[in-house]
Amino acid sequence: MATNRLEILTQMVRQDPSNTFARYGLAMEHSNGGDLAKAVEEFETLLRQDENYAAAYFHGGQALEKLGKIAEARDMYEKGIEAATRKGDAHTRAEIEAALNLLPL
């Protein structure tokens, strides 16, 4: 039996790999726990399943930044702006644009 959020979310994703909400939660749990490489892996898997999951671009980009992968973060943010625009999600688009603007040149 699962005893923590990470285990619960991992089981949920195993049972239904197409559950984007559970995969997003799993990615966030890895990120919050400091396993940024695993978080990025989960965000990327999620975005292959749903290229319009705008929040995943924001948090995936942040994880990439923390890993020092600035060029990859920039790419993630740019794709996120496109996705948020497609969805009409002005709030998430503004957050991603702000993060992109803070990246070093």
N, C-alpha and C. Protein backbone atom coordinates (compact mmCIF):
# COMPACT_ATOMS: atom_id res chain seq x y z
N MET A 1 0.84 -1.18 0.00
CA MET A 1 0.00 0.00 0.00
C MET A 1 0.89 1.25 0.00
N ALA A 2 0.50 2.21 -0.82
CA ALA A 2 1.28 3.45 -0.92
C ALA A 2 1.17 4.25 0.37
N THR A 3 2.31 4.81 0.76
CA THR A 3 2.32 5.53 2.04
C THR A 3 2.57 7.02 1.88
N ASN A 4 2.96 7.47 0.70
CA ASN A 4 3.17 8.90 0.51
C ASN A 4 2.70 9.32 -0.87
N ARG A 5 2.66 10.64 -1.10
CA ARG A 5 2.15 11.15 -2.37
C ARG A 5 2.93 10.63 -3.56
N LEU A 6 4.25 10.58 -3.44
CA LEU A 6 5.06 10.11 -4.56
C LEU A 6 4.70 8.68 -4.93
N GLU A 7 4.56 7.82 -3.93
CA GLU A 7 4.19 6.43 -4.21
C GLU A 7 2.78 6.34 -4.79
N ILE A 8 1.86 7.11 -4.25
CA ILE A 8 0.48 7.09 -4.74
C ILE A 8 0.42 7.54 -6.19
N LEU A 9 1.09 8.65 -6.49
CA LEU A 9 1.07 9.16 -7.87
C LEU A 9 1.78 8.22 -8.83
N THR A 10 2.86 7.60 -8.38
CA THR A 10 3.57 6.63 -9.21
C THR A 10 2.64 5.47 -9.55
N GLN A 11 1.91 4.98 -8.56
CA GLN A 11 0.96 3.88 -8.79
C GLN A 11 -0.15 4.31 -9.75
N MET A 12 -0.64 5.53 -9.57
CA MET A 12 -1.70 6.03 -10.46
C MET A 12 -1.23 6.08 -11.91
N VAL A 13 -0.01 6.55 -12.12
CA VAL A 13 0.54 6.64 -13.48
C VAL A 13 0.79 5.24 -14.04
N ARG A 14 1.24 4.34 -13.22
CA ARG A 14 1.43 2.95 -13.69
C ARG A 14 0.11 2.34 -14.13
N GLN A 15 -0.94 2.60 -13.36
CA GLN A 15 -2.26 2.05 -13.68
C GLN A 15 -2.87 2.70 -14.92
N ASP A 16 -2.58 3.98 -15.12
CA ASP A 16 -3.13 4.70 -16.27
C ASP A 16 -2.10 5.71 -16.76
N PRO A 17 -1.16 5.26 -17.61
CA PRO A 17 -0.10 6.16 -18.09
C PRO A 17 -0.61 7.38 -18.86
N SER A 18 -1.85 7.34 -19.32
CA SER A 18 -2.39 8.47 -20.07
C SER A 18 -3.06 9.50 -19.16
N ASN A 19 -3.06 9.27 -17.85
CA ASN A 19 -3.67 10.20 -16.90
C ASN A 19 -2.75 11.41 -16.73
N THR A 20 -3.03 12.46 -17.48
CA THR A 20 -2.14 13.62 -17.47
C THR A 20 -2.16 14.35 -16.14
N PHE A 21 -3.28 14.36 -15.47
CA PHE A 21 -3.34 15.03 -14.16
C PHE A 21 -2.45 14.32 -13.15
N ALA A 22 -2.49 12.99 -13.14
CA ALA A 22 -1.63 12.23 -12.22
C ALA A 22 -0.17 12.40 -12.59
N ARG A 23 0.14 12.41 -13.90
CA ARG A 23 1.53 12.57 -14.32
C ARG A 23 2.05 13.96 -13.96
N TYR A 24 1.20 14.98 -14.10
CA TYR A 24 1.59 16.33 -13.70
C TYR A 24 1.88 16.36 -12.19
N GLY A 25 1.02 15.74 -11.42
CA GLY A 25 1.23 15.66 -9.97
C GLY A 25 2.52 14.93 -9.63
N LEU A 26 2.81 13.86 -10.36
CA LEU A 26 4.03 13.10 -10.14
C LEU A 26 5.26 13.96 -10.47
N ALA A 27 5.20 14.67 -11.58
CA ALA A 27 6.31 15.55 -11.95
C ALA A 27 6.53 16.63 -10.89
N MET A 28 5.44 17.21 -10.41
CA MET A 28 5.55 18.25 -9.38
C MET A 28 6.11 17.67 -8.08
N GLU A 29 5.72 16.48 -7.75
CA GLU A 29 6.21 15.84 -6.53
C GLU A 29 7.72 15.59 -6.63
N HIS A 30 8.17 15.14 -7.79
CA HIS A 30 9.62 14.96 -8.00
C HIS A 30 10.33 16.31 -7.89
N SER A 31 9.75 17.33 -8.49
CA SER A 31 10.35 18.67 -8.46
C SER A 31 10.43 19.18 -7.02
N ASN A 32 9.34 19.08 -6.32
CA ASN A 32 9.31 19.56 -4.94
C ASN A 32 10.25 18.77 -4.03
N GLY A 33 10.48 17.52 -4.39
CA GLY A 33 11.40 16.67 -3.62
C GLY A 33 12.85 16.83 -4.02
N GLY A 34 13.11 17.66 -5.03
CA GLY A 34 14.49 17.92 -5.44
C GLY A 34 15.03 17.01 -6.53
N ASP A 35 14.23 16.07 -7.00
CA ASP A 35 14.69 15.20 -8.08
C ASP A 35 14.30 15.85 -9.41
N LEU A 36 15.06 16.88 -9.77
CA LEU A 36 14.72 17.70 -10.92
C LEU A 36 14.84 16.96 -12.24
N ALA A 37 15.81 16.08 -12.36
CA ALA A 37 15.96 15.31 -13.60
C ALA A 37 14.74 14.43 -13.83
N LYS A 38 14.27 13.78 -12.79
CA LYS A 38 13.07 12.94 -12.92
C LYS A 38 11.85 13.80 -13.19
N ALA A 39 11.78 14.97 -12.57
CA ALA A 39 10.67 15.89 -12.82
C ALA A 39 10.63 16.27 -14.30
N VAL A 40 11.77 16.64 -14.85
CA VAL A 40 11.84 17.02 -16.27
C VAL A 40 11.40 15.85 -17.14
N GLU A 41 11.84 14.67 -16.81
CA GLU A 41 11.45 13.48 -17.56
C GLU A 41 9.93 13.31 -17.56
N GLU A 42 9.31 13.49 -16.41
CA GLU A 42 7.85 13.35 -16.32
C GLU A 42 7.13 14.49 -17.05
N PHE A 43 7.63 15.72 -16.93
CA PHE A 43 7.02 16.84 -17.67
C PHE A 43 7.10 16.58 -19.17
N GLU A 44 8.25 16.09 -19.65
CA GLU A 44 8.41 15.82 -21.07
C GLU A 44 7.47 14.71 -21.54
N THR A 45 7.31 13.68 -20.73
CA THR A 45 6.37 12.61 -21.07
C THR A 45 4.96 13.16 -21.14
N LEU A 46 4.61 13.96 -20.17
CA LEU A 46 3.28 14.58 -20.15
C LEU A 46 3.05 15.41 -21.40
N LEU A 47 4.05 16.20 -21.79
CA LEU A 47 3.88 17.08 -22.95
C LEU A 47 3.84 16.31 -24.26
N ARG A 48 4.41 15.13 -24.30
CA ARG A 48 4.24 14.27 -25.48
C ARG A 48 2.81 13.77 -25.57
N GLN A 49 2.17 13.60 -24.40
CA GLN A 49 0.79 13.13 -24.37
C GLN A 49 -0.19 14.26 -24.63
N ASP A 50 0.12 15.45 -24.15
CA ASP A 50 -0.77 16.60 -24.28
C ASP A 50 0.07 17.87 -24.45
N GLU A 51 0.30 18.25 -25.68
CA GLU A 51 1.17 19.39 -25.97
C GLU A 51 0.55 20.73 -25.54
N ASN A 52 -0.68 20.71 -25.08
CA ASN A 52 -1.34 21.94 -24.64
C ASN A 52 -1.41 22.09 -23.12
N TYR A 53 -0.72 21.23 -22.38
CA TYR A 53 -0.73 21.29 -20.91
C TYR A 53 0.25 22.40 -20.50
N ALA A 54 -0.22 23.64 -20.58
CA ALA A 54 0.65 24.82 -20.47
C ALA A 54 1.43 24.89 -19.15
N ALA A 55 0.83 24.52 -18.05
CA ALA A 55 1.53 24.60 -16.76
C ALA A 55 2.76 23.70 -16.73
N ALA A 56 2.74 22.62 -17.48
CA ALA A 56 3.88 21.71 -17.51
C ALA A 56 5.09 22.38 -18.17
N TYR A 57 4.85 23.26 -19.12
CA TYR A 57 5.96 23.99 -19.74
C TYR A 57 6.60 24.93 -18.72
N PHE A 58 5.77 25.61 -17.95
CA PHE A 58 6.30 26.54 -16.95
C PHE A 58 7.15 25.82 -15.91
N HIS A 59 6.58 24.79 -15.30
CA HIS A 59 7.29 24.08 -14.24
C HIS A 59 8.44 23.24 -14.79
N GLY A 60 8.28 22.70 -15.99
CA GLY A 60 9.37 21.98 -16.62
C GLY A 60 10.53 22.91 -16.93
N GLY A 61 10.21 24.11 -17.41
CA GLY A 61 11.25 25.10 -17.67
C GLY A 61 11.97 25.51 -16.40
N GLN A 62 11.23 25.66 -15.33
CA GLN A 62 11.85 26.02 -14.05
C GLN A 62 12.82 24.93 -13.58
N ALA A 63 12.41 23.68 -13.73
CA ALA A 63 13.29 22.57 -13.34
C ALA A 63 14.54 22.56 -14.21
N LEU A 64 14.38 22.79 -15.50
CA LEU A 64 15.54 22.84 -16.39
C LEU A 64 16.48 23.98 -16.00
N GLU A 65 15.92 25.13 -15.65
CA GLU A 65 16.74 26.26 -15.19
C GLU A 65 17.58 25.85 -13.98
N LYS A 66 16.95 25.23 -13.01
CA LYS A 66 17.65 24.82 -11.79
C LYS A 66 18.75 23.81 -12.08
N LEU A 67 18.58 23.05 -13.15
CA LEU A 67 19.60 22.09 -13.57
C LEU A 67 20.70 22.75 -14.39
N GLY A 68 20.54 24.05 -14.65
CA GLY A 68 21.53 24.78 -15.43
C GLY A 68 21.39 24.60 -16.93
N LYS A 69 20.28 24.05 -17.36
CA LYS A 69 20.03 23.79 -18.79
C LYS A 69 19.22 24.96 -19.37
N ILE A 70 19.88 26.09 -19.52
CA ILE A 70 19.21 27.33 -19.89
C ILE A 70 18.63 27.27 -21.30
N ALA A 71 19.37 26.75 -22.25
CA ALA A 71 18.86 26.67 -23.62
C ALA A 71 17.61 25.78 -23.70
N GLU A 72 17.63 24.68 -22.96
CA GLU A 72 16.47 23.80 -22.94
C GLU A 72 15.30 24.46 -22.23
N ALA A 73 15.58 25.21 -21.18
CA ALA A 73 14.52 25.95 -20.48
C ALA A 73 13.89 26.97 -21.41
N ARG A 74 14.73 27.68 -22.16
CA ARG A 74 14.23 28.68 -23.10
C ARG A 74 13.29 28.03 -24.12
N ASP A 75 13.70 26.89 -24.66
CA ASP A 75 12.88 26.17 -25.62
C ASP A 75 11.55 25.74 -25.00
N MET A 76 11.62 25.24 -23.78
CA MET A 76 10.41 24.81 -23.07
C MET A 76 9.47 25.99 -22.87
N TYR A 77 10.01 27.11 -22.44
CA TYR A 77 9.18 28.31 -22.25
C TYR A 77 8.55 28.78 -23.56
N GLU A 78 9.33 28.79 -24.62
CA GLU A 78 8.80 29.26 -25.91
C GLU A 78 7.65 28.37 -26.38
N LYS A 79 7.81 27.07 -26.21
CA LYS A 79 6.74 26.14 -26.57
C LYS A 79 5.53 26.34 -25.65
N GLY A 80 5.80 26.66 -24.40
CA GLY A 80 4.71 26.91 -23.45
C GLY A 80 3.91 28.15 -23.81
N ILE A 81 4.57 29.18 -24.27
CA ILE A 81 3.87 30.39 -24.71
C ILE A 81 2.95 30.06 -25.87
N GLU A 82 3.44 29.25 -26.80
CA GLU A 82 2.61 28.83 -27.93
C GLU A 82 1.39 28.04 -27.44
N ALA A 83 1.61 27.12 -26.52
CA ALA A 83 0.51 26.29 -26.00
C ALA A 83 -0.51 27.14 -25.25
N ALA A 84 -0.04 28.04 -24.41
CA ALA A 84 -0.96 28.89 -23.65
C ALA A 84 -1.75 29.79 -24.59
N THR A 85 -1.11 30.25 -25.64
CA THR A 85 -1.80 31.08 -26.63
C THR A 85 -2.89 30.27 -27.32
N ARG A 86 -2.57 29.04 -27.73
CA ARG A 86 -3.57 28.17 -28.37
C ARG A 86 -4.78 27.95 -27.47
N LYS A 87 -4.51 27.79 -26.17
CA LYS A 87 -5.58 27.52 -25.21
C LYS A 87 -6.32 28.78 -24.79
N GLY A 88 -5.76 29.94 -25.09
CA GLY A 88 -6.36 31.19 -24.62
C GLY A 88 -6.13 31.41 -23.13
N ASP A 89 -5.05 30.85 -22.60
CA ASP A 89 -4.73 30.93 -21.17
C ASP A 89 -3.76 32.09 -20.95
N ALA A 90 -4.31 33.29 -20.82
CA ALA A 90 -3.49 34.49 -20.70
C ALA A 90 -2.66 34.50 -19.43
N HIS A 91 -3.20 34.00 -18.34
CA HIS A 91 -2.48 33.99 -17.07
C HIS A 91 -1.20 33.15 -17.16
N THR A 92 -1.34 31.91 -17.63
CA THR A 92 -0.18 31.04 -17.73
C THR A 92 0.80 31.58 -18.75
N ARG A 93 0.28 32.13 -19.85
CA ARG A 93 1.16 32.73 -20.85
C ARG A 93 2.01 33.84 -20.23
N ALA A 94 1.38 34.70 -19.42
CA ALA A 94 2.11 35.80 -18.78
C ALA A 94 3.18 35.27 -17.82
N GLU A 95 2.88 34.21 -17.08
CA GLU A 95 3.86 33.62 -16.18
C GLU A 95 5.05 33.06 -16.94
N ILE A 96 4.76 32.38 -18.04
CA ILE A 96 5.84 31.78 -18.83
C ILE A 96 6.67 32.88 -19.50
N GLU A 97 6.02 33.92 -20.01
CA GLU A 97 6.76 35.02 -20.62
C GLU A 97 7.68 35.69 -19.60
N ALA A 98 7.18 35.87 -18.39
CA ALA A 98 8.00 36.49 -17.34
C ALA A 98 9.23 35.62 -17.04
N ALA A 99 9.02 34.31 -16.95
CA ALA A 99 10.14 33.39 -16.69
C ALA A 99 11.14 33.44 -17.84
N LEU A 100 10.64 33.47 -19.06
CA LEU A 100 11.51 33.53 -20.23
C LEU A 100 12.34 34.83 -20.22
N ASN A 101 11.71 35.92 -19.87
CA ASN A 101 12.39 37.21 -19.84
C ASN A 101 13.47 37.29 -18.77
N LEU A 102 13.39 36.45 -17.76
CA LEU A 102 14.38 36.45 -16.68
C LEU A 102 15.60 35.58 -16.98
N LEU A 103 15.51 34.80 -18.05
CA LEU A 103 16.65 33.94 -18.39
C LEU A 103 17.84 34.78 -18.83
N PRO A 104 19.04 34.33 -18.48
CA PRO A 104 20.23 35.04 -18.97
C PRO A 104 20.35 34.86 -20.47
N LEU A 105 20.94 35.85 -21.10
CA LEU A 105 21.10 35.80 -22.57
C LEU A 105 22.16 34.84 -23.01
